[in-house]
Structure formats: structure tokens, C-alpha cells
């Protein structure tokens, strides 16, 4: 496949990922059935019981976005490797960071999907714990995303594989992700999670 065609496919996959993430997040968290940030375990269980279809649709859509992002990473990896040359160490590290981000991002809604499917067998405490696991995966995803962004930034500066402004933006986002309390602001997708009381 020529470079132009693979670049266009990569761009389409990246756009598809963002669109699917956004739609999944709107379905999961921006509709009137939204679970409050300070929801109790009992409220979380009721949310699973009364919003099963929305949780399944939103979570599934978000995961499809993650799979699209994974394919985007494959195209990006090829472009970075060609530009880096040699053993491609920075490319490999960046790619692994992207794959780790994708795995954790897939798990973010997966726990809520499980809660929606298992709603009749869950206790309130189990529902609360399941919902909290999505938040834990979000933190792991944002930290893993730093590795991808720093790799792209390094190759952007050293090999000009991306425009300089994109390398600077990647580095700034990686630094924002490093700061725990505001790290969520650097993520391309914001996953809101509740807190059991």
C-alpha cells in the first residue's frame, strides 16, 4: 500500500475513533439518565437496572472507537518506523504506549457493560465496585497515553515525522497527563466516573 493511501486510511481511522468515542460518551454519560458523580452504590445498581440498553449501546460504541484507534496506531507505527529508521526503538515504545492506552480504554466501559448485563445478580456494593473499576482504567489509560505522546513528540522534533506544532502539542499534552489532578484534561476522551458512598 502506498504512503498516500495508508496515510489517508490512518486519518480516517483516527477520525472514526474520535467520533465513536464521542458518541459512546454522549450515550453513556450525557443523556438524562446520567449517573451522578456522587452516586451511592444503590443508585449505581439502579442505573444499571434502568439503563441497560443505553449502557450497552454507549459502551459498545466507545469500544468500537478503541478498536478503530488500535488500527490507527498500526498505520501510525508504520509511518513512525519508516521515518525513524534503524531499530525503531522510539517507534516501538510509542506504539506499545498506544496499545496499552487502547487496552485500558476498552476496559473503561467494559465494567459498566458487565454491570448492565449482570444487573439482576449484583448487590449494590458489587455494582459500585464495578463502576469504580472503569475510573481506575481511565487513570491507567491516561498514564499510558503519555508514552505514545512523548514518542510522537520525540520523533516529531528529531525526524520531522509530524509538523513541529504537533510535536509541541503532543509534549504539552503528555506533561498535562503527568499531573494527576488535571491529567484528565489532556486525554482525547474524558471518562466520567461516579464515587460510591
Protein backbone atom coordinates (compact mmCIF):
# COMPACT_ATOMS: atom_id res chain seq x y z
CA UNK A 1 0.00 0.00 0.00
CA UNK A 2 1.47 3.38 -0.95
CA UNK A 3 2.20 6.05 1.64
CA UNK A 4 -0.58 8.38 0.48
CA UNK A 5 -3.22 5.67 0.67
CA UNK A 6 -2.10 4.38 4.08
CA UNK A 7 -1.92 7.95 5.39
CA UNK A 8 -5.47 8.61 4.27
CA UNK A 9 -6.68 5.34 5.80
CA UNK A 10 -4.89 6.21 9.04
CA UNK A 11 -6.53 9.62 9.11
CA UNK A 12 -9.97 8.11 8.53
CA UNK A 13 -9.39 5.57 11.30
CA UNK A 14 -8.31 8.33 13.68
CA UNK A 15 -11.38 10.43 12.88
CA UNK A 16 -13.63 7.37 13.22
CA UNK A 17 -12.13 6.65 16.65
CA UNK A 18 -12.82 10.17 17.91
CA UNK A 19 -16.38 10.17 16.53
CA UNK A 20 -17.16 6.74 18.03
CA UNK A 21 -15.65 7.77 21.38
CA UNK A 22 -17.72 10.96 21.42
CA UNK A 23 -20.96 9.17 20.51
CA UNK A 24 -20.29 6.45 23.10
CA UNK A 25 -19.60 9.04 25.81
CA UNK A 26 -22.74 11.02 24.97
CA UNK A 27 -24.87 7.88 25.12
CA UNK A 28 -23.25 6.73 28.37
CA UNK A 29 -22.99 9.96 30.29
CA UNK A 30 -24.63 12.99 28.69
CA UNK A 31 -28.20 11.77 28.43
CA UNK A 32 -30.87 12.44 31.08
CA UNK A 33 -30.23 9.01 32.60
CA UNK A 34 -26.72 10.06 33.62
CA UNK A 35 -25.34 8.67 36.87
CA UNK A 36 -24.35 11.45 39.28
CA UNK A 37 -20.69 11.74 40.24
CA UNK A 38 -21.58 11.22 43.89
CA UNK A 39 -23.98 8.32 43.29
CA UNK A 40 -24.28 5.71 46.02
CA UNK A 41 -23.85 2.00 45.34
CA UNK A 42 -27.63 1.58 45.40
CA UNK A 43 -28.05 4.36 42.84
CA UNK A 44 -25.38 2.75 40.66
CA UNK A 45 -27.23 -0.57 40.73
CA UNK A 46 -30.50 1.21 39.86
CA UNK A 47 -28.68 2.96 36.98
CA UNK A 48 -27.58 -0.43 35.63
CA UNK A 49 -31.11 -1.82 36.01
CA UNK A 50 -32.94 1.09 34.35
CA UNK A 51 -30.46 2.00 31.60
CA UNK A 52 -29.23 -1.37 30.37
CA UNK A 53 -29.70 -0.66 26.67
CA UNK A 54 -28.08 2.79 26.81
CA UNK A 55 -25.13 1.44 28.76
CA UNK A 56 -24.67 -1.42 26.28
CA UNK A 57 -25.03 0.86 23.24
CA UNK A 58 -22.75 3.57 24.60
CA UNK A 59 -20.12 1.17 25.88
CA UNK A 60 -20.12 -0.88 22.71
CA UNK A 61 -19.79 2.26 20.56
CA UNK A 62 -16.91 3.50 22.72
CA UNK A 63 -15.14 0.14 22.39
CA UNK A 64 -15.58 0.24 18.60
CA UNK A 65 -13.82 3.62 18.75
CA UNK A 66 -10.99 1.97 20.67
CA UNK A 67 -10.65 -0.74 18.02
CA UNK A 68 -10.56 1.95 15.32
CA UNK A 69 -7.82 3.71 17.34
CA UNK A 70 -5.89 0.45 17.52
CA UNK A 71 -5.95 0.21 13.71
CA UNK A 72 -4.91 3.88 13.52
CA UNK A 73 -1.94 3.02 15.74
CA UNK A 74 -0.88 0.31 13.29
CA UNK A 75 -0.79 2.82 10.44
CA UNK A 76 0.96 5.41 12.65
CA UNK A 77 3.54 2.84 13.72
CA UNK A 78 4.46 2.16 10.11
CA UNK A 79 4.88 5.87 9.38
CA UNK A 80 6.95 6.45 12.50
CA UNK A 81 9.15 3.39 11.84
CA UNK A 82 9.92 4.45 8.27
CA UNK A 83 10.85 7.94 9.44
CA UNK A 84 12.88 6.78 12.43
CA UNK A 85 14.79 4.07 10.57
CA UNK A 86 17.18 1.65 12.24
CA UNK A 87 15.87 -0.48 15.09
CA UNK A 88 12.90 1.85 15.59
CA UNK A 89 13.19 1.91 19.37
CA UNK A 90 11.21 5.13 19.90
CA UNK A 91 8.55 3.92 17.45
CA UNK A 92 8.20 0.63 19.32
CA UNK A 93 7.92 2.35 22.70
CA UNK A 94 5.34 4.83 21.37
CA UNK A 95 3.33 2.03 19.75
CA UNK A 96 3.30 -0.05 22.94
CA UNK A 97 2.13 3.02 24.86
CA UNK A 98 -0.71 3.42 22.36
CA UNK A 99 -1.66 -0.25 22.61
CA UNK A 100 -1.65 -0.07 26.42
CA UNK A 101 -3.83 3.05 26.24
CA UNK A 102 -6.26 1.21 23.97
CA UNK A 103 -6.48 -1.82 26.25
CA UNK A 104 -7.23 0.32 29.31
CA UNK A 105 -9.70 2.43 27.31
CA UNK A 106 -11.56 -0.71 26.21
CA UNK A 107 -11.84 -1.73 29.85
CA UNK A 108 -13.27 1.65 30.94
CA UNK A 109 -16.83 0.94 29.70
CA UNK A 110 -16.43 -2.85 29.87
CA UNK A 111 -17.09 -2.88 33.61
CA UNK A 112 -20.32 -0.91 33.15
CA UNK A 113 -21.31 -3.22 30.30
CA UNK A 114 -20.78 -6.15 32.67
CA UNK A 115 -22.85 -4.38 35.32
CA UNK A 116 -25.69 -3.80 32.86
CA UNK A 117 -25.64 -7.42 31.69
CA UNK A 118 -25.42 -8.81 35.25
CA UNK A 119 -27.78 -6.26 36.84
CA UNK A 120 -30.12 -8.86 38.33
CA UNK A 121 -27.34 -10.78 40.11
CA UNK A 122 -25.44 -7.79 41.53
CA UNK A 123 -25.52 -6.44 45.04
CA UNK A 124 -25.30 -2.66 45.43
CA UNK A 125 -21.70 -2.97 46.66
CA UNK A 126 -20.73 -5.06 43.63
CA UNK A 127 -22.38 -2.53 41.29
CA UNK A 128 -20.46 0.30 42.92
CA UNK A 129 -17.18 -1.60 42.70
CA UNK A 130 -17.72 -2.45 39.03
CA UNK A 131 -18.40 1.17 38.19
CA UNK A 132 -15.29 2.31 40.06
CA UNK A 133 -13.09 -0.07 38.04
CA UNK A 134 -13.82 1.99 34.93
CA UNK A 135 -12.35 5.01 36.69
CA UNK A 136 -9.23 3.06 37.62
CA UNK A 137 -8.78 2.03 33.99
CA UNK A 138 -9.16 5.67 32.94
CA UNK A 139 -6.22 6.66 35.14
CA UNK A 140 -4.11 3.84 33.66
CA UNK A 141 -5.13 4.85 30.11
CA UNK A 142 -4.14 8.47 30.62
CA UNK A 143 -0.74 7.49 32.03
CA UNK A 144 -0.09 5.05 29.18
CA UNK A 145 -1.10 7.74 26.68
CA UNK A 146 1.89 9.79 27.87
CA UNK A 147 4.23 7.18 26.37
CA UNK A 148 2.61 7.46 22.93
CA UNK A 149 2.57 11.25 23.02
CA UNK A 150 6.20 11.57 24.12
CA UNK A 151 7.29 9.11 21.40
CA UNK A 152 5.45 11.07 18.72
CA UNK A 153 6.92 14.29 20.10
CA UNK A 154 10.48 12.96 20.09
CA UNK A 155 10.18 11.75 16.51
CA UNK A 156 8.42 14.97 15.55
CA UNK A 157 11.38 17.02 16.72
CA UNK A 158 14.19 14.69 15.60
CA UNK A 159 12.83 13.26 12.34
CA UNK A 160 10.11 15.74 11.40
CA UNK A 161 7.64 12.87 11.00
CA UNK A 162 4.88 15.22 12.16
CA UNK A 163 4.69 19.02 11.95
CA UNK A 164 6.64 20.79 14.70
CA UNK A 165 3.42 22.24 16.19
CA UNK A 166 2.05 18.70 16.54
CA UNK A 167 5.23 17.60 18.32
CA UNK A 168 4.94 20.54 20.72
CA UNK A 169 1.23 19.82 21.31
CA UNK A 170 1.99 16.15 22.00
CA UNK A 171 4.66 17.08 24.52
CA UNK A 172 2.39 19.60 26.29
CA UNK A 173 -0.44 17.03 26.48
CA UNK A 174 1.98 14.44 27.87
CA UNK A 175 3.06 16.87 30.59
CA UNK A 176 -0.58 17.64 31.44
CA UNK A 177 -1.28 13.89 31.71
CA UNK A 178 1.63 13.60 34.13
CA UNK A 179 -0.10 15.95 36.59
CA UNK A 180 -2.60 13.64 38.29
CA UNK A 181 -5.33 16.06 39.39
CA UNK A 182 -5.59 17.70 35.96
CA UNK A 183 -4.39 14.80 33.82
CA UNK A 184 -7.89 14.07 32.58
CA UNK A 185 -7.83 17.40 30.72
CA UNK A 186 -5.08 16.07 28.44
CA UNK A 187 -6.96 12.99 27.34
CA UNK A 188 -8.66 12.82 23.99
CA UNK A 189 -11.63 11.18 25.69
CA UNK A 190 -12.96 12.13 29.10
CA UNK A 191 -14.42 9.26 31.07
CA UNK A 192 -16.57 10.40 33.96
CA UNK A 193 -16.97 8.02 36.82
CA UNK A 194 -19.02 8.05 39.96
CA UNK A 195 -17.86 7.67 43.52
CA UNK A 196 -19.52 5.11 45.75
CA UNK A 197 -20.57 6.32 49.17
